[in-house]
Amino acid sequence: MSANSRITNAYENAFCLPLNPSSKYVLFSDCHRGTGRSNDNFLKNEYLYLAALKYYFSHGFTYIELGDSDELWENRSMCPIREMHAQSFELLSRFYAKHRFYAVYGNHDITKRSAHFSGRCFSSCFCWQEQCEIPLFPEITFYPGIILKDCAKRKDLFLLHGHQSDLLNSTLWRLSRFLVRYVWRPLESLGIPDPTSAAKNHTKKNATEKKLSAWAKQHELILIAGHTHRPVIGNRTSPYCNTGSCVSPAGITAIEIENRCMTLIKWSQGTRSDMCLQVLREPLGSPLCIDDFL
């Protein structure tokens, strides 16, 4: 199966959500939540992520994760990940309880596509505030893709992780997981990056984005992905967008969709005039109207 066919298959099996002028969505990808060890790249940015979640919950946004949310290639079990990032999961459970949480799976958490796995690992989590188990994502489904269906029938938005563009990270994911877990993970501790990763190899990154952009143009859709960790908002000639990631040393990025406009947002750490640290929410460019892609 070609990359084009794999992306099309994800589109044909996608879950649909409405897109209208009152819709408020925030898209995150590539959190790579880990177990708190030295290879847990999410840990250093979790306080930014928690601040962002509180902001989006209080402002009425629906939260959508675009895959690789949990690092299940380097780690075998969800249990220590849930325990390490209990605060994040507790906040996400509030979104889910309000029917404001949806997610697709990526290559690093592709096992979430199994109903048995998701039912066993995401039914509950421990709440430190209440000191008891609380519902997490009971009966959740992780999708191959999500379509934001334009109620004005102008331009739909297709959301997926983006690993479908790469044979090694999709069809041959078990081989890739083995290499990451037993070969590249030990070598990365010595400073040798994984050459098969679209997030760490610029050649693969460019090839992935080229395939995703070509598919979006061919099907006349706006495509929003993760996977490459490179944040971008597209334009009329390239209807491809990317949320970036939550593991960058510079902070975390997301795409907000509000009033039929998309805005790339960066959350980072800064200082106030009194030298106190604060969390900053910074738009990276002006909002881009979805109709500008027509």
Protein backbone atom coordinates (compact mmCIF):
# COMPACT_ATOMS: atom_id res chain seq x y z
CA MET A 1 0.00 0.00 0.00
CA SER A 2 1.40 3.41 -1.01
CA ALA A 3 1.62 6.47 1.24
CA ASN A 4 -1.25 8.04 -0.68
CA SER A 5 -3.40 4.95 -0.08
CA ARG A 6 -2.57 4.83 3.63
CA ILE A 7 -3.52 8.50 4.10
CA THR A 8 -6.72 7.95 2.10
CA ASN A 9 -7.56 4.92 4.24
CA ALA A 10 -7.21 7.05 7.39
CA TYR A 11 -9.49 9.66 5.82
CA GLU A 12 -12.14 7.10 4.88
CA ASN A 13 -12.19 5.74 8.44
CA ALA A 14 -12.06 9.11 10.18
CA PHE A 15 -14.47 10.34 12.84
CA CYS A 16 -16.43 13.50 12.00
CA LEU A 17 -16.93 16.57 14.18
CA PRO A 18 -18.78 19.76 13.18
CA LEU A 19 -16.99 22.92 12.12
CA ASN A 20 -19.02 26.14 12.29
CA PRO A 21 -18.47 29.77 13.37
CA SER A 22 -19.05 28.87 17.04
CA SER A 23 -16.61 25.91 17.04
CA LYS A 24 -13.59 26.20 19.34
CA TYR A 25 -10.93 23.52 18.94
CA VAL A 26 -7.34 23.31 20.11
CA LEU A 27 -5.04 20.77 18.48
CA PHE A 28 -1.97 19.33 20.19
CA SER A 29 0.35 16.59 19.00
CA ASP A 30 3.48 14.69 19.97
CA CYS A 31 3.42 15.08 23.74
CA HIS A 32 5.43 11.85 24.07
CA ARG A 33 4.49 11.57 27.73
CA GLY A 34 6.98 9.23 29.38
CA THR A 35 7.84 7.71 32.73
CA GLY A 36 9.83 10.61 34.22
CA ARG A 37 13.25 9.21 33.41
CA SER A 38 15.96 11.08 31.50
CA ASN A 39 14.37 10.19 28.15
CA ASP A 40 10.98 11.71 29.12
CA ASN A 41 11.15 14.83 26.93
CA PHE A 42 7.65 15.90 27.94
CA LEU A 43 8.52 16.26 31.63
CA LYS A 44 10.40 19.56 31.31
CA ASN A 45 7.41 21.17 29.54
CA GLU A 46 4.59 19.69 31.58
CA TYR A 47 4.02 22.87 33.60
CA LEU A 48 3.47 24.75 30.32
CA TYR A 49 1.10 22.03 29.17
CA LEU A 50 -0.88 22.17 32.43
CA ALA A 51 -1.22 25.94 32.12
CA ALA A 52 -2.43 25.56 28.53
CA LEU A 53 -4.97 22.88 29.48
CA LYS A 54 -6.42 25.07 32.24
CA TYR A 55 -6.68 28.00 29.80
CA TYR A 56 -8.44 25.95 27.10
CA PHE A 57 -10.79 24.26 29.55
CA SER A 58 -11.92 27.56 31.08
CA HIS A 59 -12.29 29.17 27.61
CA GLY A 60 -14.59 26.44 26.29
CA PHE A 61 -12.26 24.77 23.77
CA THR A 62 -12.60 21.15 22.66
CA TYR A 63 -9.23 19.43 22.95
CA ILE A 64 -7.96 17.16 20.14
CA GLU A 65 -4.72 15.17 20.30
CA LEU A 66 -3.11 14.22 16.99
CA GLY A 67 -1.11 11.20 18.04
CA ASP A 68 2.15 10.24 19.77
CA SER A 69 0.57 11.52 22.97
CA ASP A 70 2.18 8.78 25.07
CA GLU A 71 5.61 7.25 24.47
CA LEU A 72 4.73 3.59 24.02
CA TRP A 73 7.69 2.62 21.87
CA GLU A 74 10.37 3.38 24.43
CA ASN A 75 8.08 2.26 27.28
CA ARG A 76 6.17 -1.01 27.47
CA SER A 77 3.35 0.02 29.83
CA MET A 78 0.88 2.91 30.24
CA CYS A 79 0.69 2.50 34.00
CA PRO A 80 3.93 4.34 34.95
CA ILE A 81 3.14 7.05 32.36
CA ARG A 82 -0.28 7.67 33.93
CA GLU A 83 1.27 7.74 37.40
CA MET A 84 4.07 10.11 36.42
CA HIS A 85 1.77 12.60 34.69
CA ALA A 86 -1.28 12.22 36.91
CA GLN A 87 -2.04 15.96 36.88
CA SER A 88 -2.15 16.07 33.09
CA PHE A 89 -4.41 13.03 32.85
CA GLU A 90 -6.69 14.42 35.56
CA LEU A 91 -7.19 17.64 33.56
CA LEU A 92 -7.72 15.68 30.34
CA SER A 93 -10.37 13.60 32.12
CA ARG A 94 -12.32 16.83 32.73
CA PHE A 95 -12.37 17.53 29.00
CA TYR A 96 -13.53 13.98 28.31
CA ALA A 97 -16.29 14.17 30.91
CA LYS A 98 -17.63 17.27 29.12
CA HIS A 99 -17.43 15.50 25.70
CA ARG A 100 -14.62 17.88 24.74
CA PHE A 101 -11.77 15.38 24.24
CA TYR A 102 -10.97 13.46 21.05
CA ALA A 103 -7.79 11.79 19.89
CA VAL A 104 -6.13 10.03 17.00
CA TYR A 105 -3.25 7.58 17.38
CA GLY A 106 0.25 8.05 16.02
CA ASN A 107 3.03 5.59 15.37
CA HIS A 108 4.47 5.80 18.91
CA ASP A 109 1.06 5.06 20.45
CA ILE A 110 -0.43 2.96 17.64
CA THR A 111 -1.46 0.27 20.15
CA LYS A 112 -4.27 2.64 21.21
CA ARG A 113 -6.19 1.62 18.10
CA SER A 114 -6.94 -1.65 19.92
CA ALA A 115 -10.22 -1.38 21.86
CA HIS A 116 -8.90 -3.95 24.34
CA PHE A 117 -5.77 -1.89 25.03
CA SER A 118 -7.60 1.43 25.38
CA GLY A 119 -10.30 -0.12 27.58
CA ARG A 120 -7.68 -1.65 29.88
CA CYS A 121 -5.35 1.35 30.09
CA PHE A 122 -7.60 4.42 29.96
CA SER A 123 -10.72 3.58 31.96
CA SER A 124 -9.48 5.33 35.13
CA CYS A 125 -6.62 7.26 36.68
CA PHE A 126 -5.54 8.26 40.19
CA CYS A 127 -6.56 11.72 41.40
CA TRP A 128 -4.02 13.08 43.89
CA GLN A 129 -6.40 15.77 45.10
CA GLU A 130 -9.17 13.30 45.94
CA GLN A 131 -6.76 10.44 46.74
CA CYS A 132 -8.80 7.94 44.78
CA GLU A 133 -9.34 6.48 41.30
CA ILE A 134 -11.48 8.62 38.99
CA PRO A 135 -12.82 7.90 35.48
CA LEU A 136 -10.28 8.81 32.80
CA PHE A 137 -11.51 8.02 29.27
CA PRO A 138 -14.06 5.20 29.75
CA GLU A 139 -15.12 3.61 26.44
CA ILE A 140 -12.86 5.93 24.44
CA THR A 141 -12.02 5.29 20.79
CA PHE A 142 -8.71 6.48 19.32
CA TYR A 143 -9.21 7.22 15.64
CA PRO A 144 -6.93 6.99 12.58
CA GLY A 145 -8.11 10.48 11.69
CA ILE A 146 -10.73 13.13 12.46
CA ILE A 147 -12.61 15.29 9.96
CA LEU A 148 -13.83 18.71 11.02
CA LYS A 149 -16.86 18.84 8.72
CA ASP A 150 -17.49 22.37 7.47
CA CYS A 151 -21.17 23.13 8.04
CA ALA A 152 -20.91 25.85 5.36
CA LYS A 153 -19.81 23.12 2.91
CA ARG A 154 -16.73 25.09 1.87
CA LYS A 155 -13.60 23.33 3.08
CA ASP A 156 -13.27 20.39 5.49
CA LEU A 157 -10.26 19.97 7.78
CA PHE A 158 -8.65 16.53 7.97
CA LEU A 159 -6.68 15.77 11.13
CA LEU A 160 -4.28 12.84 11.44
CA HIS A 161 -0.89 12.10 12.92
CA GLY A 162 1.02 11.88 9.65
CA HIS A 163 3.01 8.66 10.10
CA GLN A 164 0.88 7.17 7.32
CA SER A 165 3.20 8.89 4.83
CA ASP A 166 6.11 6.66 5.89
CA LEU A 167 6.24 2.88 5.33
CA LEU A 168 8.64 2.24 8.22
CA ASN A 169 6.47 4.12 10.74
CA SER A 170 3.13 2.72 9.54
CA THR A 171 3.06 -0.71 7.92
CA LEU A 172 6.40 -1.74 9.46
CA TRP A 173 5.76 -0.08 12.83
CA ARG A 174 6.63 -3.21 14.83
CA LEU A 175 10.11 -3.23 13.30
CA SER A 176 10.48 0.50 13.99
CA ARG A 177 9.35 0.04 17.59
CA PHE A 178 11.93 -2.72 18.07
CA LEU A 179 14.70 -0.52 16.67
CA VAL A 180 13.68 2.47 18.80
CA ARG A 181 13.33 0.42 21.98
CA TYR A 182 16.49 -1.68 21.69
CA VAL A 183 18.82 0.14 19.28
CA TRP A 184 18.23 3.89 18.94
CA ARG A 185 17.15 4.56 22.53
CA PRO A 186 20.50 3.36 23.98
CA LEU A 187 22.44 5.14 21.20
CA GLU A 188 20.57 8.42 21.76
CA SER A 189 21.88 8.45 25.32
CA LEU A 190 25.32 8.67 23.68
CA GLY A 191 24.24 11.57 21.47
CA ILE A 192 23.48 9.59 18.28
CA PRO A 193 20.04 10.61 16.87
CA ASP A 194 17.57 8.17 15.35
CA PRO A 195 17.96 8.48 11.54
CA THR A 196 14.53 6.89 10.92
CA SER A 197 12.64 9.59 12.86
CA ALA A 198 10.84 12.28 10.86
CA ALA A 199 11.18 14.54 13.90
CA LYS A 200 15.00 14.23 14.04
CA ASN A 201 16.00 13.67 10.42
CA HIS A 202 15.47 16.71 8.18
CA THR A 203 15.49 14.66 4.99
CA LYS A 204 12.68 12.44 6.26
CA LYS A 205 10.90 15.49 7.69
CA ASN A 206 10.86 17.22 4.30
CA ALA A 207 9.79 14.05 2.49
CA THR A 208 6.92 13.49 4.96
CA GLU A 209 5.63 17.06 4.64
CA LYS A 210 5.86 16.90 0.84
CA LYS A 211 3.69 13.77 0.72
CA LEU A 212 1.11 15.14 3.14
CA SER A 213 0.90 18.46 1.30
CA ALA A 214 0.53 16.70 -2.05
CA TRP A 215 -2.31 14.55 -0.71
CA ALA A 216 -4.10 17.61 0.69
CA LYS A 217 -3.86 19.45 -2.62
CA GLN A 218 -5.04 16.42 -4.58
CA HIS A 219 -8.12 15.99 -2.37
CA GLU A 220 -8.77 19.73 -1.93
CA LEU A 221 -8.76 19.53 1.86
CA ILE A 222 -6.90 21.34 4.61
CA LEU A 223 -4.72 18.71 6.30
CA ILE A 224 -3.41 19.21 9.84
CA ALA A 225 -0.86 16.73 11.17
CA GLY A 226 1.84 16.20 13.77
CA HIS A 227 4.68 13.65 13.50
CA THR A 228 7.44 15.94 12.17
CA HIS A 229 7.43 18.24 15.24
CA ARG A 230 7.79 21.25 12.89
CA PRO A 231 4.92 23.77 13.47
CA VAL A 232 3.51 25.42 10.36
CA ILE A 233 0.33 27.06 9.09
CA GLY A 234 -0.29 26.52 5.39
CA ASN A 235 -1.69 28.80 2.72
CA ARG A 236 -3.67 28.73 -0.51
CA THR A 237 -0.88 26.94 -2.42
CA SER A 238 -0.06 24.50 0.39
CA PRO A 239 -3.08 23.42 2.48
CA TYR A 240 -0.83 21.54 4.92
CA CYS A 241 -0.50 22.55 8.58
CA ASN A 242 1.36 21.07 11.54
CA THR A 243 0.77 21.53 15.26
CA GLY A 244 4.43 21.08 16.20
CA SER A 245 5.05 19.27 19.48
CA CYS A 246 5.17 19.49 23.26
CA VAL A 247 8.81 18.40 23.57
CA SER A 248 10.72 21.34 22.11
CA PRO A 249 13.24 23.06 24.43
CA ALA A 250 11.69 26.39 23.37
CA GLY A 251 8.21 25.46 24.64
CA ILE A 252 5.07 23.80 23.29
CA THR A 253 2.95 24.67 20.26
CA ALA A 254 -0.67 24.12 19.27
CA ILE A 255 -3.19 25.22 16.68
CA GLU A 256 -6.33 27.01 17.84
CA ILE A 257 -9.43 27.00 15.64
CA GLU A 258 -11.95 29.70 16.51
CA ASN A 259 -14.34 31.85 14.45
CA ARG A 260 -13.41 29.75 11.39
CA CYS A 261 -9.79 30.88 11.75
CA MET A 262 -6.62 28.99 12.63
CA THR A 263 -3.83 30.40 14.80
CA LEU A 264 -0.50 28.78 15.60
CA ILE A 265 0.17 29.29 19.32
CA LYS A 266 3.36 28.94 21.34
CA TRP A 267 3.36 28.43 25.11
CA SER A 268 6.68 29.25 26.76
CA GLN A 269 8.34 30.55 29.91
CA GLY A 270 9.12 34.23 30.39
CA THR A 271 9.78 36.81 33.09
CA ARG A 272 7.69 39.74 34.27
CA SER A 273 9.07 43.20 35.02
CA ASP A 274 9.41 42.17 38.70
CA MET A 275 11.60 39.22 37.60
CA CYS A 276 8.97 36.60 38.48
CA LEU A 277 8.60 33.67 36.07
CA GLN A 278 5.39 33.36 34.11
CA VAL A 279 3.81 31.24 31.39
CA LEU A 280 3.39 33.08 28.10
CA ARG A 281 0.80 32.40 25.39
CA GLU A 282 2.09 33.85 22.11
CA PRO A 283 0.37 33.74 18.69
CA LEU A 284 2.92 32.93 15.98
CA GLY A 285 1.49 35.09 13.24
CA SER A 286 -2.00 36.42 12.58
CA PRO A 287 -5.10 34.17 12.54
CA LEU A 288 -5.61 32.60 9.13
CA CYS A 289 -9.21 32.33 7.95
CA ILE A 290 -10.15 28.88 6.71
CA ASP A 291 -11.88 30.49 3.74
CA ASP A 292 -8.48 31.83 2.61
CA PHE A 293 -7.62 28.27 1.58
CA LEU A 294 -10.47 28.24 -0.98
